[in-house]
Amino acid sequence: MQKNGQLKVYNLNELIKDQSDYTNFIVSEVNDHALRIAVINGEFHWHKHENCDELFYVLEGELFIDLENTETVSLKPGEIFTVPANTMHRTRSNERTVNMCFEKTSNDIKGSNS
């Protein structure tokens, strides 16, 4: 069975070029993982993913990842950071920011608040 995004060429810049509001969608699936692309301008809510690590890779802008221990990680284009499973976090930006995220396909991107 062919998975989402297989045997297809994508231009990531074209997929999000006119997107200014928050969006987050799967571009391609690899085994039981998904490559997502997200556009954010503002902040996402605090949450955690109980059974899934989440890797962020910034393409454009600056992404801030606030962690439950009051640490904030700042990512600029070309930088990656992995949030371990079950870690409370939120993402935010002060400008339009584009990032890719690699995580399990089954992961609920909204996470849980508890």
C-alpha atoms as a PDB file:
ATOM      1  CA  MET A   1       0.000   0.000   0.000  1.00  0.00           C
ATOM      2  CA  GLN A   2       1.392   3.387  -1.013  1.00  0.00           C
ATOM      3  CA  LYS A   3       1.675   5.909   1.800  1.00  0.00           C
ATOM      4  CA  ASN A   4       1.021   9.637   1.778  1.00  0.00           C
ATOM      5  CA  GLY A   5       3.730  11.447  -0.182  1.00  0.00           C
ATOM      6  CA  GLN A   6       5.500   8.430  -1.656  1.00  0.00           C
ATOM      7  CA  LEU A   7       6.700   8.468  -5.267  1.00  0.00           C
ATOM      8  CA  LYS A   8       5.980  12.182  -5.536  1.00  0.00           C
ATOM      9  CA  VAL A   9       8.222  15.251  -5.714  1.00  0.00           C
ATOM     10  CA  TYR A  10       7.268  18.138  -3.430  1.00  0.00           C
ATOM     11  CA  ASN A  11       8.576  21.685  -3.398  1.00  0.00           C
ATOM     12  CA  LEU A  12       8.188  22.667   0.256  1.00  0.00           C
ATOM     13  CA  ASN A  13       8.474  26.372  -0.553  1.00  0.00           C
ATOM     14  CA  GLU A  14       5.547  26.109  -2.973  1.00  0.00           C
ATOM     15  CA  LEU A  15       3.416  24.214  -0.443  1.00  0.00           C
ATOM     16  CA  ILE A  16       3.541  27.061   2.086  1.00  0.00           C
ATOM     17  CA  LYS A  17       4.445  30.178   0.077  1.00  0.00           C
ATOM     18  CA  ASP A  18       1.079  31.932   0.547  1.00  0.00           C
ATOM     19  CA  GLN A  19       0.425  30.595   4.048  1.00  0.00           C
ATOM     20  CA  SER A  20       0.550  33.218   6.795  1.00  0.00           C
ATOM     21  CA  ASP A  21      -1.833  31.705   9.362  1.00  0.00           C
ATOM     22  CA  TYR A  22      -1.053  28.632  11.455  1.00  0.00           C
ATOM     23  CA  THR A  23      -1.017  25.393   9.519  1.00  0.00           C
ATOM     24  CA  ASN A  24       0.487  21.969  10.161  1.00  0.00           C
ATOM     25  CA  PHE A  25       0.107  19.044   7.775  1.00  0.00           C
ATOM     26  CA  ILE A  26       1.764  15.799   6.699  1.00  0.00           C
ATOM     27  CA  VAL A  27       3.904  16.063   3.573  1.00  0.00           C
ATOM     28  CA  SER A  28       5.139  12.474   3.455  1.00  0.00           C
ATOM     29  CA  GLU A  29       5.119   9.252   5.460  1.00  0.00           C
ATOM     30  CA  VAL A  30       8.204   7.109   6.088  1.00  0.00           C
ATOM     31  CA  ASN A  31       7.486   3.730   7.677  1.00  0.00           C
ATOM     32  CA  ASP A  32       5.436   4.620  10.798  1.00  0.00           C
ATOM     33  CA  HIS A  33       6.647   8.248  10.892  1.00  0.00           C
ATOM     34  CA  ALA A  34       5.511  11.434   9.210  1.00  0.00           C
ATOM     35  CA  LEU A  35       7.293  14.479   7.901  1.00  0.00           C
ATOM     36  CA  ARG A  36       5.107  17.493   8.667  1.00  0.00           C
ATOM     37  CA  ILE A  37       5.512  21.100   7.654  1.00  0.00           C
ATOM     38  CA  ALA A  38       4.160  23.884   9.831  1.00  0.00           C
ATOM     39  CA  VAL A  39       3.775  27.636   9.594  1.00  0.00           C
ATOM     40  CA  ILE A  40       3.401  29.518  12.870  1.00  0.00           C
ATOM     41  CA  ASN A  41       3.168  33.207  13.715  1.00  0.00           C
ATOM     42  CA  GLY A  42       2.323  33.487  17.403  1.00  0.00           C
ATOM     43  CA  GLU A  43       2.114  30.677  19.925  1.00  0.00           C
ATOM     44  CA  PHE A  44       0.765  27.138  20.166  1.00  0.00           C
ATOM     45  CA  HIS A  45      -0.672  25.853  23.457  1.00  0.00           C
ATOM     46  CA  TRP A  46       1.257  23.966  26.137  1.00  0.00           C
ATOM     47  CA  HIS A  47       1.061  20.217  25.536  1.00  0.00           C
ATOM     48  CA  LYS A  48       2.963  16.931  25.545  1.00  0.00           C
ATOM     49  CA  HIS A  49       3.018  13.772  23.450  1.00  0.00           C
ATOM     50  CA  GLU A  50       2.994  10.783  25.771  1.00  0.00           C
ATOM     51  CA  ASN A  51       4.417   8.192  23.379  1.00  0.00           C
ATOM     52  CA  CYS A  52       6.261  10.167  20.748  1.00  0.00           C
ATOM     53  CA  ASP A  53       9.443  12.203  20.446  1.00  0.00           C
ATOM     54  CA  GLU A  54       9.142  15.275  18.214  1.00  0.00           C
ATOM     55  CA  LEU A  55      12.011  16.590  16.081  1.00  0.00           C
ATOM     56  CA  PHE A  56      11.831  20.208  14.844  1.00  0.00           C
ATOM     57  CA  TYR A  57      13.862  21.533  11.889  1.00  0.00           C
ATOM     58  CA  VAL A  58      13.533  25.242  11.092  1.00  0.00           C
ATOM     59  CA  LEU A  59      13.456  26.371   7.465  1.00  0.00           C
ATOM     60  CA  GLU A  60      12.536  30.048   7.864  1.00  0.00           C
ATOM     61  CA  GLY A  61      12.229  32.543  10.732  1.00  0.00           C
ATOM     62  CA  GLU A  62      12.988  31.752  14.371  1.00  0.00           C
ATOM     63  CA  LEU A  63      11.143  29.122  16.404  1.00  0.00           C
ATOM     64  CA  PHE A  64      11.081  29.221  20.195  1.00  0.00           C
ATOM     65  CA  ILE A  65      10.349  26.015  22.089  1.00  0.00           C
ATOM     66  CA  ASP A  66       9.417  26.632  25.718  1.00  0.00           C
ATOM     67  CA  LEU A  67      10.001  23.605  27.955  1.00  0.00           C
ATOM     68  CA  GLU A  68       8.360  22.697  31.251  1.00  0.00           C
ATOM     69  CA  ASN A  69      11.554  23.420  33.205  1.00  0.00           C
ATOM     70  CA  THR A  70      11.363  27.121  32.172  1.00  0.00           C
ATOM     71  CA  GLU A  71      14.104  26.629  29.568  1.00  0.00           C
ATOM     72  CA  THR A  72      13.521  28.153  26.126  1.00  0.00           C
ATOM     73  CA  VAL A  73      15.275  26.819  23.048  1.00  0.00           C
ATOM     74  CA  SER A  74      15.706  29.151  20.069  1.00  0.00           C
ATOM     75  CA  LEU A  75      16.025  27.598  16.606  1.00  0.00           C
ATOM     76  CA  LYS A  76      17.078  29.417  13.451  1.00  0.00           C
ATOM     77  CA  PRO A  77      17.114  28.117   9.869  1.00  0.00           C
ATOM     78  CA  GLY A  78      19.121  24.922   9.537  1.00  0.00           C
ATOM     79  CA  GLU A  79      18.915  24.021  13.249  1.00  0.00           C
ATOM     80  CA  ILE A  80      17.165  21.011  14.790  1.00  0.00           C
ATOM     81  CA  PHE A  81      15.976  20.101  18.282  1.00  0.00           C
ATOM     82  CA  THR A  82      14.210  17.011  19.608  1.00  0.00           C
ATOM     83  CA  VAL A  83      11.588  17.203  22.363  1.00  0.00           C
ATOM     84  CA  PRO A  84      11.464  13.832  24.174  1.00  0.00           C
ATOM     85  CA  ALA A  85       8.153  12.045  24.651  1.00  0.00           C
ATOM     86  CA  ASN A  86       6.133  13.101  27.693  1.00  0.00           C
ATOM     87  CA  THR A  87       7.808  16.546  27.907  1.00  0.00           C
ATOM     88  CA  MET A  88       5.476  19.518  28.352  1.00  0.00           C
ATOM     89  CA  HIS A  89       6.310  22.165  25.744  1.00  0.00           C
ATOM     90  CA  ARG A  90       4.933  24.810  23.419  1.00  0.00           C
ATOM     91  CA  THR A  91       6.185  26.401  20.226  1.00  0.00           C
ATOM     92  CA  ARG A  92       5.995  30.088  19.416  1.00  0.00           C
ATOM     93  CA  SER A  93       7.401  32.720  17.105  1.00  0.00           C
ATOM     94  CA  ASN A  94       7.515  36.494  16.765  1.00  0.00           C
ATOM     95  CA  GLU A  95       7.248  36.341  12.976  1.00  0.00           C
ATOM     96  CA  ARG A  96       6.152  33.936  10.265  1.00  0.00           C
ATOM     97  CA  THR A  97       8.221  30.827  10.911  1.00  0.00           C
ATOM     98  CA  VAL A  98       8.335  27.612   8.905  1.00  0.00           C
ATOM     99  CA  ASN A  99       9.490  24.335  10.384  1.00  0.00           C
ATOM    100  CA  MET A 100       9.431  20.669   9.566  1.00  0.00           C
ATOM    101  CA  CYS A 101       8.566  18.131  12.206  1.00  0.00           C
ATOM    102  CA  PHE A 102       9.404  14.428  12.204  1.00  0.00           C
ATOM    103  CA  GLU A 103       7.238  12.250  14.442  1.00  0.00           C
ATOM    104  CA  LYS A 104       5.068   9.136  14.445  1.00  0.00           C
ATOM    105  CA  THR A 105       2.233   9.312  11.926  1.00  0.00           C
ATOM    106  CA  SER A 106      -0.227   8.368  14.679  1.00  0.00           C
ATOM    107  CA  ASN A 107       0.844  11.286  16.886  1.00  0.00           C
ATOM    108  CA  ASP A 108      -1.915  13.754  17.795  1.00  0.00           C
ATOM    109  CA  ILE A 109      -0.321  17.138  17.083  1.00  0.00           C
ATOM    110  CA  LYS A 110      -2.537  18.821  19.684  1.00  0.00           C
ATOM    111  CA  GLY A 111      -1.058  16.605  22.400  1.00  0.00           C
ATOM    112  CA  SER A 112      -2.404  16.472  25.938  1.00  0.00           C
ATOM    113  CA  ASN A 113      -2.376  19.187  28.596  1.00  0.00           C
ATOM    114  CA  SER A 114      -1.937  16.913  31.600  1.00  0.00           C
END
